[in-house]
C-alpha atoms as a PDB file:
ATOM      1  CA  MET A   1     138.333 149.436  46.379  1.00  0.00           C
ATOM      2  CA  GLY A   2     136.158 148.300  50.193  1.00  0.00           C
ATOM      3  CA  LEU A   3     135.607 149.552  53.343  1.00  0.00           C
ATOM      4  CA  SER A   4     137.993 147.982  56.779  1.00  0.00           C
ATOM      5  CA  PRO A   5     136.102 147.153  59.301  1.00  0.00           C
ATOM      6  CA  SER A   6     139.078 149.431  61.523  1.00  0.00           C
ATOM      7  CA  GLU A   7     136.961 151.891  59.496  1.00  0.00           C
ATOM      8  CA  PHE A   8     133.722 151.800  61.916  1.00  0.00           C
ATOM      9  CA  LEU A   9     135.228 151.252  65.158  1.00  0.00           C
ATOM     10  CA  PRO A  10     135.793 154.204  67.451  1.00  0.00           C
ATOM     11  CA  GLN A  11     138.925 156.553  67.852  1.00  0.00           C
ATOM     12  CA  GLU A  12     142.074 155.166  70.292  1.00  0.00           C
ATOM     13  CA  ALA A  13     140.227 156.238  74.291  1.00  0.00           C
ATOM     14  CA  GLY A  14     143.188 159.131  74.059  1.00  0.00           C
ATOM     15  CA  GLU A  15     141.733 161.269  70.758  1.00  0.00           C
ATOM     16  CA  ARG A  16     138.349 161.477  72.804  1.00  0.00           C
ATOM     17  CA  ARG A  17     139.605 162.712  75.637  1.00  0.00           C
ATOM     18  CA  ARG A  18     139.433 165.422  77.707  1.00  0.00           C
ATOM     19  CA  SER A  19     142.106 164.086  80.050  1.00  0.00           C
ATOM     20  CA  GLU A  20     144.166 160.707  80.892  1.00  0.00           C
ATOM     21  CA  ARG A  21     142.451 158.275  83.736  1.00  0.00           C
ATOM     22  CA  LEU A  22     145.159 157.932  86.314  1.00  0.00           C
ATOM     23  CA  PRO A  23     143.876 154.511  87.754  1.00  0.00           C
ATOM     24  CA  LEU A  24     142.853 155.691  92.184  1.00  0.00           C
ATOM     25  CA  ARG A  25     141.518 154.756  94.573  1.00  0.00           C
ATOM     26  CA  LYS A  26     139.747 157.496  96.763  1.00  0.00           C
ATOM     27  CA  ASP A  27     137.469 156.802  99.355  1.00  0.00           C
ATOM     28  CA  VAL A  28     133.939 159.094  98.097  1.00  0.00           C
ATOM     29  CA  ARG A  29     130.494 158.969  98.909  1.00  0.00           C
ATOM     30  CA  ILE A  30     128.162 159.928  96.117  1.00  0.00           C
ATOM     31  CA  TYR A  31     124.799 161.553  96.290  1.00  0.00           C
ATOM     32  CA  TRP A  32     121.627 161.674  94.119  1.00  0.00           C
ATOM     33  CA  PRO A  33     118.309 162.493  94.091  1.00  0.00           C
ATOM     34  CA  ASP A  34     115.244 158.947  93.981  1.00  0.00           C
ATOM     35  CA  ARG A  35     112.120 159.708  93.691  1.00  0.00           C
ATOM     36  CA  GLY A  36     111.881 163.545  95.194  1.00  0.00           C
ATOM     37  CA  VAL A  37     114.310 162.054  98.789  1.00  0.00           C
ATOM     38  CA  GLU A  38     118.524 162.152  99.217  1.00  0.00           C
ATOM     39  CA  SER A  39     120.561 158.985  98.517  1.00  0.00           C
ATOM     40  CA  SER A  40     124.033 158.364  98.778  1.00  0.00           C
ATOM     41  CA  GLU A  41     126.725 155.641  98.755  1.00  0.00           C
ATOM     42  CA  ASP A  42     129.598 155.419 100.646  1.00  0.00           C
ATOM     43  CA  THR A  43     132.472 153.989  97.711  1.00  0.00           C
ATOM     44  CA  PHE A  44     135.880 154.536  96.677  1.00  0.00           C
ATOM     45  CA  THR A  45     137.409 155.094  92.333  1.00  0.00           C
ATOM     46  CA  LEU A  46     138.615 152.839  90.287  1.00  0.00           C
ATOM     47  CA  THR A  47     140.207 155.672  87.874  1.00  0.00           C
ATOM     48  CA  VAL A  48     139.705 159.176  87.854  1.00  0.00           C
ATOM     49  CA  SER A  49     140.886 162.211  85.416  1.00  0.00           C
ATOM     50  CA  LEU A  50     140.481 166.452  84.970  1.00  0.00           C
ATOM     51  CA  PHE A  51     136.775 165.946  84.058  1.00  0.00           C
ATOM     52  CA  GLY A  52     135.086 163.044  85.640  1.00  0.00           C
ATOM     53  CA  CYS A  53     136.110 159.586  87.054  1.00  0.00           C
ATOM     54  CA  ALA A  54     134.749 156.159  87.083  1.00  0.00           C
ATOM     55  CA  ILE A  55     133.677 154.300  90.762  1.00  0.00           C
ATOM     56  CA  ALA A  56     132.574 151.463  92.320  1.00  0.00           C
ATOM     57  CA  SER A  57     129.064 151.590  92.354  1.00  0.00           C
ATOM     58  CA  ARG A  58     126.341 148.280  94.063  1.00  0.00           C
ATOM     59  CA  GLY A  59     123.009 150.460  92.374  1.00  0.00           C
ATOM     60  CA  HIS A  60     122.313 151.212  89.177  1.00  0.00           C
ATOM     61  CA  LEU A  61     122.807 154.904  88.529  1.00  0.00           C
ATOM     62  CA  GLN A  62     120.699 155.795  85.585  1.00  0.00           C
ATOM     63  CA  PRO A  63     122.790 157.728  82.519  1.00  0.00           C
ATOM     64  CA  ASP A  64     122.197 161.221  82.162  1.00  0.00           C
ATOM     65  CA  SER A  65     121.145 161.404  86.304  1.00  0.00           C
ATOM     66  CA  GLN A  66     122.479 164.302  88.307  1.00  0.00           C
ATOM     67  CA  ILE A  67     125.222 163.424  91.250  1.00  0.00           C
ATOM     68  CA  VAL A  68     127.522 165.146  92.822  1.00  0.00           C
ATOM     69  CA  LEU A  69     131.116 163.237  95.066  1.00  0.00           C
ATOM     70  CA  ARG A  70     132.048 164.379  98.567  1.00  0.00           C
ATOM     71  CA  CYS A  71     135.555 163.603  98.149  1.00  0.00           C
ATOM     72  CA  ASP A  72     137.986 164.714 100.812  1.00  0.00           C
ATOM     73  CA  GLY A  73     135.643 167.763 102.287  1.00  0.00           C
ATOM     74  CA  LYS A  74     135.186 168.529  98.420  1.00  0.00           C
ATOM     75  CA  PHE A  75     132.307 168.033  96.377  1.00  0.00           C
ATOM     76  CA  MET A  76     131.969 168.167  92.966  1.00  0.00           C
ATOM     77  CA  PRO A  77     128.409 167.983  90.545  1.00  0.00           C
ATOM     78  CA  GLY A  78     128.742 165.715  88.101  1.00  0.00           C
ATOM     79  CA  ARG A  79     126.788 163.821  86.015  1.00  0.00           C
ATOM     80  CA  VAL A  80     126.422 159.672  84.871  1.00  0.00           C
ATOM     81  CA  LEU A  81     127.629 158.496  81.463  1.00  0.00           C
ATOM     82  CA  TYR A  82     127.202 154.660  81.423  1.00  0.00           C
ATOM     83  CA  ASN A  83     127.755 151.902  83.618  1.00  0.00           C
ATOM     84  CA  LEU A  84     129.244 148.735  83.263  1.00  0.00           C
ATOM     85  CA  HIS A  85     128.418 145.520  85.011  1.00  0.00           C
ATOM     86  CA  ASP A  86     130.539 142.956  84.869  1.00  0.00           C
ATOM     87  CA  SER A  87     129.070 139.384  86.842  1.00  0.00           C
ATOM     88  CA  SER A  88     132.530 138.863  87.487  1.00  0.00           C
ATOM     89  CA  LYS A  89     132.769 142.010  90.055  1.00  0.00           C
ATOM     90  CA  ASP A  90     131.035 142.588  93.033  1.00  0.00           C
ATOM     91  CA  PHE A  91     130.089 146.351  91.898  1.00  0.00           C
ATOM     92  CA  ILE A  92     129.050 147.997  88.994  1.00  0.00           C
ATOM     93  CA  GLU A  93     131.208 150.476  87.724  1.00  0.00           C
ATOM     94  CA  VAL A  94     130.082 153.988  86.641  1.00  0.00           C
ATOM     95  CA  GLY A  95     131.226 156.779  84.785  1.00  0.00           C
ATOM     96  CA  ILE A  96     131.002 160.548  85.915  1.00  0.00           C
ATOM     97  CA  SER A  97     132.015 163.447  83.699  1.00  0.00           C
ATOM     98  CA  PHE A  98     132.050 166.723  85.299  1.00  0.00           C
ATOM     99  CA  ASP A  99     131.642 169.974  83.884  1.00  0.00           C
ATOM    100  CA  GLU A 100     134.502 171.376  85.232  1.00  0.00           C
ATOM    101  CA  GLU A 101     138.254 170.799  85.849  1.00  0.00           C
ATOM    102  CA  ALA A 102     138.888 168.618  88.790  1.00  0.00           C
ATOM    103  CA  GLY A 103     142.467 169.118  89.549  1.00  0.00           C
ATOM    104  CA  GLU A 104     142.372 170.640  92.566  1.00  0.00           C
ATOM    105  CA  PHE A 105     139.280 168.233  93.706  1.00  0.00           C
ATOM    106  CA  TRP A 106     141.334 165.565  93.790  1.00  0.00           C
ATOM    107  CA  ASP A 107     144.642 167.685  94.967  1.00  0.00           C
ATOM    108  CA  SER A 108     146.288 166.106  91.213  1.00  0.00           C
ATOM    109  CA  GLN A 109     147.434 167.140  88.911  1.00  0.00           C
ATOM    110  CA  PHE A 110     146.955 166.211  85.383  1.00  0.00           C
END
């Protein structure tokens, strides 16, 4: 008996995630080191979760880059997971993972 193509597809997103994603637009500022100088960008979230978020960015932040996110006067360190560029949008979606739970950071219960 042969293998089904679905056996090669990744698991459903809900099965891989540590918490659910919520669509939420919040103003944030991201900070990252760039050639020894701290760079920053004012932007907004697309989705948030207990362990990360997706933001809109004007530039490419490299996967595994360390960043710090500021929102409502609070700071949360994290790292870049991915960049998704959709030519129909004016921004690049950047996925960020946090090392600790961010419920208090987002002022939300997940």
